[in-house]
N, C-alpha and C. Protein backbone atom coordinates (compact mmCIF):
# COMPACT_ATOMS: atom_id res chain seq x y z
N MET A 1 6.84 -256.88 -21.41
CA MET A 1 7.95 -255.95 -21.47
C MET A 1 9.00 -256.39 -22.50
N GLU A 2 9.34 -257.69 -22.46
CA GLU A 2 10.32 -258.21 -23.43
C GLU A 2 9.80 -258.09 -24.85
N THR A 3 8.52 -258.30 -25.04
CA THR A 3 7.92 -258.19 -26.36
C THR A 3 8.02 -256.75 -26.86
N THR A 4 7.77 -255.79 -26.01
CA THR A 4 7.85 -254.38 -26.39
C THR A 4 9.27 -254.01 -26.77
N ILE A 5 10.22 -254.47 -26.00
CA ILE A 5 11.64 -254.21 -26.30
C ILE A 5 12.02 -254.85 -27.63
N SER A 6 11.55 -256.06 -27.88
CA SER A 6 11.85 -256.76 -29.14
C SER A 6 11.24 -256.03 -30.32
N ILE A 7 10.00 -255.56 -30.15
CA ILE A 7 9.34 -254.82 -31.24
C ILE A 7 10.08 -253.51 -31.50
N CYS A 8 10.47 -252.81 -30.46
CA CYS A 8 11.24 -251.56 -30.61
C CYS A 8 12.57 -251.82 -31.30
N ALA A 9 13.25 -252.88 -30.93
CA ALA A 9 14.52 -253.23 -31.56
C ALA A 9 14.33 -253.56 -33.03
N LEU A 10 13.23 -254.28 -33.34
CA LEU A 10 12.93 -254.64 -34.72
C LEU A 10 12.64 -253.39 -35.55
N VAL A 11 11.81 -252.51 -35.02
CA VAL A 11 11.46 -251.26 -35.72
C VAL A 11 12.72 -250.42 -35.92
N THR A 12 13.55 -250.33 -34.89
CA THR A 12 14.80 -249.57 -35.00
C THR A 12 15.71 -250.16 -36.06
N SER A 13 15.78 -251.47 -36.12
CA SER A 13 16.61 -252.15 -37.13
C SER A 13 16.11 -251.87 -38.53
N VAL A 14 14.80 -251.92 -38.72
CA VAL A 14 14.21 -251.64 -40.03
C VAL A 14 14.54 -250.22 -40.46
N PHE A 15 14.38 -249.26 -39.56
CA PHE A 15 14.71 -247.87 -39.88
C PHE A 15 16.21 -247.72 -40.19
N ALA A 16 17.05 -248.38 -39.43
CA ALA A 16 18.50 -248.31 -39.66
C ALA A 16 18.86 -248.88 -41.02
N ILE A 17 18.25 -250.00 -41.38
CA ILE A 17 18.51 -250.60 -42.70
C ILE A 17 18.03 -249.67 -43.81
N TYR A 18 16.85 -249.10 -43.64
CA TYR A 18 16.30 -248.19 -44.65
C TYR A 18 17.21 -246.99 -44.86
N TYR A 19 17.61 -246.33 -43.77
CA TYR A 19 18.45 -245.14 -43.89
C TYR A 19 19.86 -245.47 -44.37
N THR A 20 20.38 -246.61 -43.99
CA THR A 20 21.70 -247.03 -44.47
C THR A 20 21.65 -247.28 -45.97
N ARG A 21 20.60 -247.95 -46.41
CA ARG A 21 20.46 -248.23 -47.85
C ARG A 21 20.31 -246.93 -48.63
N ARG A 22 19.52 -246.01 -48.11
CA ARG A 22 19.33 -244.73 -48.77
C ARG A 22 20.65 -243.96 -48.84
N ASP A 23 21.43 -244.00 -47.77
CA ASP A 23 22.73 -243.34 -47.73
C ASP A 23 23.71 -243.94 -48.74
N VAL A 24 23.73 -245.26 -48.82
CA VAL A 24 24.61 -245.95 -49.77
C VAL A 24 24.24 -245.58 -51.20
N ASN A 25 22.94 -245.56 -51.50
CA ASN A 25 22.49 -245.18 -52.85
C ASN A 25 22.87 -243.74 -53.17
N LYS A 26 22.74 -242.86 -52.20
CA LYS A 26 23.11 -241.46 -52.40
C LYS A 26 24.60 -241.32 -52.66
N GLN A 27 25.42 -242.02 -51.87
CA GLN A 27 26.87 -241.96 -52.05
C GLN A 27 27.28 -242.54 -53.41
N LEU A 28 26.63 -243.61 -53.83
CA LEU A 28 26.91 -244.20 -55.14
C LEU A 28 26.57 -243.20 -56.24
N ARG A 29 25.42 -242.58 -56.15
CA ARG A 29 25.01 -241.61 -57.17
C ARG A 29 25.96 -240.43 -57.20
N ILE A 30 26.35 -239.94 -56.04
CA ILE A 30 27.29 -238.80 -55.99
C ILE A 30 28.61 -239.18 -56.66
N SER A 31 29.11 -240.38 -56.41
CA SER A 31 30.38 -240.79 -57.04
C SER A 31 30.23 -240.86 -58.56
N LYS A 32 29.07 -241.29 -59.04
CA LYS A 32 28.85 -241.36 -60.50
C LYS A 32 28.71 -239.96 -61.09
N LEU A 33 28.07 -239.05 -60.37
CA LEU A 33 27.98 -237.67 -60.84
C LEU A 33 29.36 -237.02 -60.86
N GLU A 34 30.20 -237.35 -59.88
CA GLU A 34 31.59 -236.85 -59.88
C GLU A 34 32.33 -237.37 -61.11
N GLU A 35 32.09 -238.61 -61.47
CA GLU A 35 32.74 -239.17 -62.66
C GLU A 35 32.28 -238.45 -63.92
N ILE A 36 31.00 -238.09 -63.99
CA ILE A 36 30.50 -237.30 -65.13
C ILE A 36 31.25 -235.97 -65.19
N LEU A 37 31.42 -235.33 -64.03
CA LEU A 37 32.15 -234.05 -63.99
C LEU A 37 33.59 -234.22 -64.46
N GLU A 38 34.23 -235.31 -64.07
CA GLU A 38 35.62 -235.57 -64.50
C GLU A 38 35.70 -235.71 -66.02
N ILE A 39 34.77 -236.45 -66.60
CA ILE A 39 34.79 -236.65 -68.05
C ILE A 39 34.51 -235.33 -68.77
N LEU A 40 33.58 -234.54 -68.25
CA LEU A 40 33.31 -233.24 -68.85
C LEU A 40 34.53 -232.33 -68.78
N ALA A 41 35.28 -232.40 -67.68
CA ALA A 41 36.52 -231.61 -67.56
C ALA A 41 37.54 -232.06 -68.60
N LEU A 42 37.62 -233.35 -68.84
CA LEU A 42 38.52 -233.88 -69.87
C LEU A 42 38.11 -233.37 -71.24
N ILE A 43 36.83 -233.45 -71.54
CA ILE A 43 36.33 -232.98 -72.84
C ILE A 43 36.59 -231.48 -72.99
N ASP A 44 36.34 -230.73 -71.94
CA ASP A 44 36.57 -229.29 -71.98
C ASP A 44 38.05 -228.99 -72.24
N GLY A 45 38.92 -229.77 -71.65
CA GLY A 45 40.36 -229.56 -71.83
C GLY A 45 40.84 -229.84 -73.25
N TYR A 46 40.23 -230.80 -73.91
CA TYR A 46 40.65 -231.17 -75.26
C TYR A 46 39.87 -230.45 -76.36
N TYR A 47 38.80 -229.77 -76.00
CA TYR A 47 37.87 -229.29 -77.02
C TYR A 47 38.48 -228.27 -77.98
N LEU A 48 39.25 -227.33 -77.48
CA LEU A 48 39.84 -226.32 -78.37
C LEU A 48 40.72 -226.97 -79.43
N SER A 49 41.59 -227.89 -79.01
CA SER A 49 42.44 -228.60 -79.97
C SER A 49 41.59 -229.42 -80.94
N LEU A 50 40.61 -230.10 -80.40
CA LEU A 50 39.74 -230.92 -81.23
C LEU A 50 38.99 -230.07 -82.24
N PHE A 51 38.50 -228.93 -81.82
CA PHE A 51 37.77 -228.01 -82.70
C PHE A 51 38.67 -227.56 -83.85
N ASN A 52 39.89 -227.12 -83.51
CA ASN A 52 40.82 -226.67 -84.55
C ASN A 52 41.19 -227.81 -85.49
N LEU A 53 41.47 -228.98 -84.93
CA LEU A 53 41.81 -230.13 -85.76
C LEU A 53 40.64 -230.56 -86.64
N PHE A 54 39.45 -230.44 -86.13
CA PHE A 54 38.26 -230.78 -86.90
C PHE A 54 38.18 -229.92 -88.15
N HIS A 55 38.38 -228.61 -87.97
CA HIS A 55 38.32 -227.71 -89.12
C HIS A 55 39.53 -227.90 -90.04
N ASP A 56 40.68 -228.21 -89.48
CA ASP A 56 41.85 -228.53 -90.30
C ASP A 56 41.59 -229.80 -91.11
N ALA A 57 40.94 -230.78 -90.49
CA ALA A 57 40.64 -232.04 -91.19
C ALA A 57 39.74 -231.79 -92.38
N ARG A 58 38.80 -230.86 -92.24
CA ARG A 58 37.94 -230.51 -93.38
C ARG A 58 38.79 -229.95 -94.52
N GLU A 59 39.72 -229.05 -94.17
CA GLU A 59 40.59 -228.46 -95.19
C GLU A 59 41.48 -229.52 -95.84
N ILE A 60 42.03 -230.41 -95.02
CA ILE A 60 42.88 -231.48 -95.53
C ILE A 60 42.09 -232.37 -96.47
N ARG A 61 40.90 -232.77 -96.04
CA ARG A 61 40.06 -233.66 -96.84
C ARG A 61 39.69 -233.01 -98.17
N GLU A 62 39.29 -231.75 -98.13
CA GLU A 62 38.91 -231.05 -99.36
C GLU A 62 40.10 -230.92 -100.31
N THR A 63 41.28 -230.64 -99.78
CA THR A 63 42.49 -230.52 -100.60
C THR A 63 42.81 -231.84 -101.27
N LEU A 64 42.76 -232.93 -100.49
CA LEU A 64 43.07 -234.25 -101.04
C LEU A 64 42.02 -234.69 -102.07
N GLU A 65 40.74 -234.40 -101.80
CA GLU A 65 39.68 -234.79 -102.73
C GLU A 65 39.78 -234.05 -104.05
N LYS A 66 40.23 -232.81 -104.01
CA LYS A 66 40.39 -232.00 -105.22
C LYS A 66 41.70 -232.29 -105.93
N GLY A 67 42.55 -233.09 -105.31
CA GLY A 67 43.84 -233.43 -105.92
C GLY A 67 44.81 -232.28 -105.93
N GLN A 68 44.63 -231.31 -105.05
CA GLN A 68 45.52 -230.16 -104.99
C GLN A 68 46.79 -230.52 -104.25
N GLN A 69 47.81 -229.69 -104.49
CA GLN A 69 49.09 -229.91 -103.83
C GLN A 69 49.01 -229.50 -102.37
N ILE A 70 49.67 -230.28 -101.52
CA ILE A 70 49.68 -230.01 -100.08
C ILE A 70 50.75 -228.95 -99.79
N THR A 71 50.34 -227.86 -99.18
CA THR A 71 51.27 -226.78 -98.85
C THR A 71 52.02 -227.12 -97.56
N SER A 72 53.06 -226.35 -97.28
CA SER A 72 53.82 -226.60 -96.05
C SER A 72 52.94 -226.32 -94.82
N GLU A 73 52.05 -225.34 -94.91
CA GLU A 73 51.14 -225.06 -93.80
C GLU A 73 50.20 -226.25 -93.57
N LEU A 74 49.71 -226.82 -94.65
CA LEU A 74 48.82 -227.97 -94.54
C LEU A 74 49.58 -229.20 -94.02
N GLU A 75 50.85 -229.32 -94.40
CA GLU A 75 51.69 -230.40 -93.87
C GLU A 75 51.82 -230.30 -92.36
N LYS A 76 52.00 -229.08 -91.86
CA LYS A 76 52.09 -228.86 -90.41
C LYS A 76 50.78 -229.26 -89.72
N LYS A 77 49.68 -228.94 -90.35
CA LYS A 77 48.37 -229.31 -89.79
C LYS A 77 48.21 -230.83 -89.75
N ILE A 78 48.67 -231.49 -90.79
CA ILE A 78 48.59 -232.96 -90.83
C ILE A 78 49.47 -233.56 -89.74
N LEU A 79 50.66 -233.01 -89.55
CA LEU A 79 51.58 -233.48 -88.51
C LEU A 79 50.96 -233.29 -87.12
N PHE A 80 50.39 -232.12 -86.88
CA PHE A 80 49.74 -231.85 -85.60
C PHE A 80 48.56 -232.79 -85.38
N GLN A 81 47.81 -233.02 -86.44
CA GLN A 81 46.68 -233.94 -86.37
C GLN A 81 47.14 -235.35 -86.00
N ASN A 82 48.21 -235.81 -86.62
CA ASN A 82 48.73 -237.15 -86.32
C ASN A 82 49.24 -237.26 -84.88
N ARG A 83 49.85 -236.20 -84.38
CA ARG A 83 50.32 -236.20 -82.99
C ARG A 83 49.14 -236.26 -82.03
N PHE A 84 48.09 -235.50 -82.33
CA PHE A 84 46.90 -235.53 -81.49
C PHE A 84 46.29 -236.93 -81.46
N ILE A 85 46.23 -237.56 -82.62
CA ILE A 85 45.68 -238.92 -82.72
C ILE A 85 46.52 -239.90 -81.90
N GLU A 86 47.83 -239.71 -81.88
CA GLU A 86 48.70 -240.57 -81.07
C GLU A 86 48.42 -240.38 -79.57
N ILE A 87 48.21 -239.14 -79.17
CA ILE A 87 48.00 -238.84 -77.75
C ILE A 87 46.60 -239.26 -77.30
N VAL A 88 45.60 -238.85 -78.05
CA VAL A 88 44.21 -239.12 -77.69
C VAL A 88 43.76 -240.33 -78.52
N LYS A 89 43.99 -241.47 -77.99
CA LYS A 89 43.67 -242.72 -78.69
C LYS A 89 42.17 -242.87 -78.89
N GLU A 90 41.81 -243.48 -80.00
CA GLU A 90 40.40 -243.70 -80.31
C GLU A 90 39.70 -244.51 -79.23
N GLU A 91 40.39 -245.52 -78.69
CA GLU A 91 39.79 -246.37 -77.67
C GLU A 91 39.47 -245.57 -76.41
N MET A 92 40.40 -244.66 -76.03
CA MET A 92 40.18 -243.84 -74.84
C MET A 92 38.98 -242.92 -75.06
N LEU A 93 38.92 -242.34 -76.23
CA LEU A 93 37.82 -241.45 -76.53
C LEU A 93 36.49 -242.20 -76.55
N MET A 94 36.48 -243.36 -77.19
CA MET A 94 35.26 -244.17 -77.24
C MET A 94 34.83 -244.55 -75.83
N GLU A 95 35.80 -244.93 -75.00
CA GLU A 95 35.50 -245.32 -73.62
C GLU A 95 34.89 -244.15 -72.85
N LYS A 96 35.48 -242.97 -72.97
CA LYS A 96 34.98 -241.81 -72.23
C LYS A 96 33.61 -241.36 -72.75
N ALA A 97 33.44 -241.33 -74.06
CA ALA A 97 32.15 -240.92 -74.62
C ALA A 97 31.06 -241.91 -74.25
N THR A 98 31.37 -243.18 -74.33
CA THR A 98 30.40 -244.21 -73.97
C THR A 98 30.09 -244.17 -72.48
N ARG A 99 31.12 -244.00 -71.67
CA ARG A 99 30.94 -243.94 -70.22
C ARG A 99 30.09 -242.73 -69.83
N LEU A 100 30.35 -241.60 -70.47
CA LEU A 100 29.58 -240.39 -70.19
C LEU A 100 28.11 -240.61 -70.51
N ARG A 101 27.86 -241.22 -71.63
CA ARG A 101 26.47 -241.49 -72.02
C ARG A 101 25.80 -242.48 -71.06
N THR A 102 26.50 -243.54 -70.71
CA THR A 102 25.95 -244.54 -69.79
C THR A 102 25.65 -243.93 -68.42
N LEU A 103 26.59 -243.17 -67.89
CA LEU A 103 26.40 -242.54 -66.58
C LEU A 103 25.24 -241.56 -66.59
N SER A 104 25.15 -240.76 -67.66
CA SER A 104 24.06 -239.79 -67.70
C SER A 104 22.71 -240.50 -67.83
N ASP A 105 22.66 -241.56 -68.61
CA ASP A 105 21.41 -242.33 -68.75
C ASP A 105 20.99 -242.94 -67.41
N ALA A 106 21.95 -243.43 -66.65
CA ALA A 106 21.63 -244.16 -65.43
C ALA A 106 21.44 -243.26 -64.21
N TYR A 107 22.12 -242.12 -64.14
CA TYR A 107 22.14 -241.36 -62.90
C TYR A 107 21.59 -239.94 -62.98
N LEU A 108 21.11 -239.54 -64.13
CA LEU A 108 20.58 -238.18 -64.24
C LEU A 108 19.09 -238.20 -64.58
N PRO A 109 18.38 -237.20 -64.10
CA PRO A 109 16.95 -237.13 -64.42
C PRO A 109 16.75 -236.56 -65.83
N ASN A 110 15.54 -236.66 -66.31
CA ASN A 110 15.22 -236.08 -67.61
C ASN A 110 14.87 -234.60 -67.51
N SER A 111 14.77 -234.09 -66.27
CA SER A 111 14.45 -232.68 -66.09
C SER A 111 15.61 -231.82 -66.58
N ASN A 112 15.28 -230.58 -66.95
CA ASN A 112 16.28 -229.62 -67.46
C ASN A 112 16.98 -230.12 -68.71
N ASN A 113 16.49 -231.19 -69.31
CA ASN A 113 17.14 -231.81 -70.47
C ASN A 113 18.60 -232.13 -70.20
N LEU A 114 18.95 -232.32 -68.94
CA LEU A 114 20.34 -232.56 -68.56
C LEU A 114 20.90 -233.81 -69.21
N LYS A 115 20.12 -234.86 -69.20
CA LYS A 115 20.57 -236.12 -69.78
C LYS A 115 20.86 -235.98 -71.28
N ILE A 116 19.95 -235.35 -72.00
CA ILE A 116 20.13 -235.22 -73.45
C ILE A 116 21.26 -234.23 -73.77
N LYS A 117 21.45 -233.22 -72.93
CA LYS A 117 22.55 -232.27 -73.14
C LYS A 117 23.89 -232.99 -73.04
N ILE A 118 24.03 -233.83 -72.03
CA ILE A 118 25.29 -234.56 -71.85
C ILE A 118 25.48 -235.58 -72.97
N ASN A 119 24.42 -236.25 -73.35
CA ASN A 119 24.54 -237.20 -74.46
C ASN A 119 24.92 -236.50 -75.76
N THR A 120 24.42 -235.28 -75.96
CA THR A 120 24.77 -234.52 -77.15
C THR A 120 26.24 -234.12 -77.14
N ILE A 121 26.74 -233.67 -75.99
CA ILE A 121 28.17 -233.35 -75.88
C ILE A 121 29.01 -234.57 -76.22
N SER A 122 28.63 -235.70 -75.67
CA SER A 122 29.34 -236.95 -75.92
C SER A 122 29.36 -237.28 -77.41
N MET A 123 28.21 -237.14 -78.05
CA MET A 123 28.09 -237.43 -79.48
C MET A 123 28.95 -236.48 -80.32
N ILE A 124 28.90 -235.19 -80.00
CA ILE A 124 29.68 -234.20 -80.75
C ILE A 124 31.17 -234.51 -80.63
N TYR A 125 31.62 -234.71 -79.42
CA TYR A 125 33.04 -234.99 -79.16
C TYR A 125 33.48 -236.25 -79.91
N TYR A 126 32.68 -237.29 -79.81
CA TYR A 126 32.98 -238.56 -80.46
C TYR A 126 33.02 -238.41 -81.98
N ASN A 127 32.02 -237.74 -82.55
CA ASN A 127 31.96 -237.59 -84.01
C ASN A 127 33.07 -236.70 -84.55
N MET A 128 33.43 -235.65 -83.79
CA MET A 128 34.55 -234.81 -84.23
C MET A 128 35.84 -235.62 -84.28
N HIS A 129 36.04 -236.44 -83.28
CA HIS A 129 37.25 -237.26 -83.23
C HIS A 129 37.26 -238.26 -84.39
N LEU A 130 36.13 -238.89 -84.65
CA LEU A 130 36.05 -239.84 -85.77
C LEU A 130 36.31 -239.13 -87.10
N TYR A 131 35.84 -237.91 -87.23
CA TYR A 131 36.07 -237.15 -88.44
C TYR A 131 37.56 -236.89 -88.64
N ILE A 132 38.25 -236.57 -87.56
CA ILE A 132 39.70 -236.34 -87.63
C ILE A 132 40.41 -237.63 -88.03
N LEU A 133 39.92 -238.76 -87.54
CA LEU A 133 40.50 -240.05 -87.88
C LEU A 133 40.12 -240.51 -89.29
N ARG A 134 39.30 -239.69 -89.96
CA ARG A 134 38.81 -239.98 -91.32
C ARG A 134 37.91 -241.22 -91.36
N LYS A 135 37.17 -241.44 -90.28
CA LYS A 135 36.29 -242.60 -90.22
C LYS A 135 34.82 -242.21 -90.30
N ASN A 136 34.53 -240.93 -90.25
CA ASN A 136 33.14 -240.50 -90.25
C ASN A 136 33.03 -239.22 -91.04
N LEU A 137 32.08 -239.17 -91.92
CA LEU A 137 31.87 -237.98 -92.73
C LEU A 137 30.49 -237.40 -92.45
N PRO A 138 30.40 -236.49 -91.48
CA PRO A 138 29.10 -235.90 -91.21
C PRO A 138 28.63 -235.05 -92.38
N ASP A 139 27.32 -234.88 -92.49
CA ASP A 139 26.82 -234.03 -93.57
C ASP A 139 27.04 -232.56 -93.23
N ILE A 140 26.76 -231.70 -94.19
CA ILE A 140 27.01 -230.26 -94.04
C ILE A 140 26.26 -229.69 -92.84
N LYS A 141 25.03 -230.15 -92.60
CA LYS A 141 24.25 -229.66 -91.48
C LYS A 141 24.96 -229.95 -90.16
N GLU A 142 25.50 -231.15 -90.01
CA GLU A 142 26.22 -231.50 -88.78
C GLU A 142 27.47 -230.64 -88.62
N LEU A 143 28.17 -230.38 -89.72
CA LEU A 143 29.39 -229.57 -89.64
C LEU A 143 29.08 -228.16 -89.16
N SER A 144 27.95 -227.63 -89.58
CA SER A 144 27.61 -226.25 -89.20
C SER A 144 27.15 -226.16 -87.75
N MET A 145 26.84 -227.28 -87.11
CA MET A 145 26.32 -227.26 -85.75
C MET A 145 27.40 -227.50 -84.69
N ILE A 146 28.64 -227.64 -85.08
CA ILE A 146 29.72 -227.83 -84.12
C ILE A 146 29.96 -226.50 -83.40
N PRO A 147 29.77 -226.47 -82.07
CA PRO A 147 29.92 -225.19 -81.36
C PRO A 147 31.37 -224.73 -81.29
N LYS A 148 31.53 -223.43 -81.27
CA LYS A 148 32.86 -222.84 -81.11
C LYS A 148 33.32 -223.12 -79.68
N PRO A 149 34.64 -223.12 -79.45
CA PRO A 149 35.16 -223.45 -78.12
C PRO A 149 34.57 -222.62 -76.98
N ILE A 150 34.39 -221.33 -77.18
CA ILE A 150 33.85 -220.49 -76.10
C ILE A 150 32.40 -220.87 -75.82
N GLU A 151 31.65 -221.20 -76.87
CA GLU A 151 30.25 -221.62 -76.69
C GLU A 151 30.20 -222.96 -75.95
N MET A 152 31.07 -223.89 -76.33
CA MET A 152 31.09 -225.20 -75.69
C MET A 152 31.51 -225.07 -74.22
N ARG A 153 32.48 -224.22 -73.94
CA ARG A 153 32.93 -224.03 -72.56
C ARG A 153 31.77 -223.51 -71.69
N LYS A 154 31.04 -222.53 -72.19
CA LYS A 154 29.91 -222.00 -71.43
C LYS A 154 28.83 -223.06 -71.25
N PHE A 155 28.60 -223.85 -72.27
CA PHE A 155 27.61 -224.92 -72.21
C PHE A 155 28.01 -225.96 -71.16
N ILE A 156 29.28 -226.36 -71.19
CA ILE A 156 29.78 -227.34 -70.22
C ILE A 156 29.72 -226.77 -68.80
N GLN A 157 30.08 -225.50 -68.63
CA GLN A 157 30.02 -224.88 -67.31
C GLN A 157 28.59 -224.88 -66.77
N LYS A 158 27.62 -224.60 -67.63
CA LYS A 158 26.22 -224.63 -67.21
C LYS A 158 25.83 -226.05 -66.79
N ILE A 159 26.25 -227.02 -67.56
CA ILE A 159 25.93 -228.41 -67.24
C ILE A 159 26.60 -228.82 -65.92
N GLU A 160 27.85 -228.41 -65.73
CA GLU A 160 28.54 -228.72 -64.47
C GLU A 160 27.77 -228.16 -63.27
N SER A 161 27.29 -226.94 -63.40
CA SER A 161 26.54 -226.36 -62.28
C SER A 161 25.24 -227.11 -62.04
N LEU A 162 24.59 -227.59 -63.11
CA LEU A 162 23.37 -228.38 -62.95
C LEU A 162 23.66 -229.72 -62.28
N ILE A 163 24.79 -230.32 -62.63
CA ILE A 163 25.16 -231.61 -62.02
C ILE A 163 25.48 -231.40 -60.54
N ILE A 164 26.21 -230.35 -60.23
CA ILE A 164 26.53 -230.07 -58.83
C ILE A 164 25.25 -229.81 -58.03
N LYS A 165 24.31 -229.13 -58.65
CA LYS A 165 23.02 -228.92 -57.99
C LYS A 165 22.31 -230.26 -57.77
N GLU A 166 22.44 -231.18 -58.74
CA GLU A 166 21.86 -232.52 -58.62
C GLU A 166 22.45 -233.29 -57.45
N MET A 167 23.69 -233.01 -57.11
CA MET A 167 24.36 -233.72 -56.02
C MET A 167 23.76 -233.35 -54.67
N ARG A 168 23.13 -232.19 -54.60
CA ARG A 168 22.46 -231.73 -53.39
C ARG A 168 23.39 -231.69 -52.17
N LEU A 169 24.58 -231.17 -52.40
CA LEU A 169 25.53 -231.03 -51.30
C LEU A 169 25.64 -229.58 -50.84
N GLY A 170 24.95 -228.69 -51.55
CA GLY A 170 24.94 -227.29 -51.15
C GLY A 170 26.07 -226.45 -51.70
N TYR A 171 26.82 -226.99 -52.64
CA TYR A 171 27.95 -226.25 -53.19
C TYR A 171 27.64 -225.76 -54.59
N GLU A 172 28.43 -224.81 -55.06
CA GLU A 172 28.30 -224.30 -56.41
C GLU A 172 29.66 -224.38 -57.09
N THR A 173 29.63 -224.43 -58.40
CA THR A 173 30.87 -224.46 -59.17
C THR A 173 31.32 -223.04 -59.45
N PHE A 174 32.53 -222.91 -59.93
CA PHE A 174 33.02 -221.61 -60.36
C PHE A 174 33.47 -221.72 -61.81
N THR A 175 33.50 -220.60 -62.49
CA THR A 175 33.84 -220.60 -63.91
C THR A 175 35.35 -220.44 -64.09
N LYS A 176 35.79 -220.65 -65.31
CA LYS A 176 37.20 -220.42 -65.62
C LYS A 176 37.54 -218.94 -65.44
N GLU A 177 36.58 -218.08 -65.73
CA GLU A 177 36.79 -216.64 -65.55
C GLU A 177 37.01 -216.33 -64.06
N ASP A 178 36.20 -216.95 -63.19
CA ASP A 178 36.39 -216.77 -61.75
C ASP A 178 37.79 -217.22 -61.33
N HIS A 179 38.19 -218.35 -61.88
CA HIS A 179 39.51 -218.90 -61.57
C HIS A 179 40.62 -217.95 -62.02
N MET A 180 40.50 -217.45 -63.24
CA MET A 180 41.54 -216.55 -63.76
C MET A 180 41.57 -215.24 -62.98
N GLU A 181 40.41 -214.74 -62.57
CA GLU A 181 40.37 -213.52 -61.77
C GLU A 181 41.08 -213.74 -60.44
N TYR A 182 40.81 -214.86 -59.79
CA TYR A 182 41.50 -215.18 -58.53
C TYR A 182 43.01 -215.30 -58.78
N PHE A 183 43.37 -216.02 -59.83
CA PHE A 183 44.78 -216.26 -60.11
C PHE A 183 45.53 -214.95 -60.32
N HIS A 184 44.95 -214.05 -61.09
CA HIS A 184 45.63 -212.79 -61.40
C HIS A 184 45.56 -211.77 -60.27
N ASN A 185 44.50 -211.79 -59.47
CA ASN A 185 44.31 -210.74 -58.47
C ASN A 185 44.61 -211.15 -57.03
N GLN A 186 44.51 -212.44 -56.71
CA GLN A 186 44.61 -212.83 -55.31
C GLN A 186 45.65 -213.91 -55.03
N PHE A 187 45.92 -214.76 -55.98
CA PHE A 187 46.77 -215.92 -55.76
C PHE A 187 48.14 -215.55 -55.21
N LYS A 188 48.80 -214.58 -55.82
CA LYS A 188 50.14 -214.18 -55.36
C LYS A 188 50.09 -213.69 -53.91
N LYS A 189 49.07 -212.94 -53.57
CA LYS A 189 48.93 -212.45 -52.18
C LYS A 189 48.77 -213.62 -51.22
N ASP A 190 47.96 -214.61 -51.62
CA ASP A 190 47.75 -215.78 -50.75
C ASP A 190 49.04 -216.58 -50.57
N ILE A 191 49.82 -216.71 -51.61
CA ILE A 191 51.10 -217.43 -51.53
C ILE A 191 52.06 -216.70 -50.61
N GLU A 192 52.11 -215.38 -50.75
CA GLU A 192 53.04 -214.60 -49.93
C GLU A 192 52.68 -214.65 -48.45
N ARG A 193 51.43 -214.83 -48.11
CA ARG A 193 51.01 -214.89 -46.71
C ARG A 193 51.39 -216.20 -46.04
N MET A 194 51.69 -217.20 -46.78
CA MET A 194 51.99 -218.52 -46.20
C MET A 194 53.36 -218.57 -45.62
């Protein structure tokens, strides 16, 4: 009888250890996927400014290379570019781009090309920033492949929904359009009811 109880206790302990370990691994992965979502939200928030500055940097570079006079409009663009560089430090950008790539390599599957999609976003964001800092000169082909802000937003939203699906928590993401529709049509009513 004691042997049977001991064997049952041992088997129960093994199962408890197995399920605890599986739970810990799942929670760790979910936290890393959440971090990927946070970095993507940061990139999405800065992308419009970065896109505009990227194209302004091309104009600035071409003007300086041709030895043309800098107009007051171009001076404003240079000033805005310098302010952006002060706010979005190169080290912070490098850290986020590198972290995004590391997390996607370690915690995402190769299915749906999710890993490579995230690595590509990281590379684009990083290279655009380096171009603004005048540290990287992509070739013409790379310049033509920089997505417009609306295209990048849709791409990031699709990736976010794939990551949320990867988390297997049963939830779905919502788009900025969904958010704006709620804000304009329902938010005021919800506030007034409180």
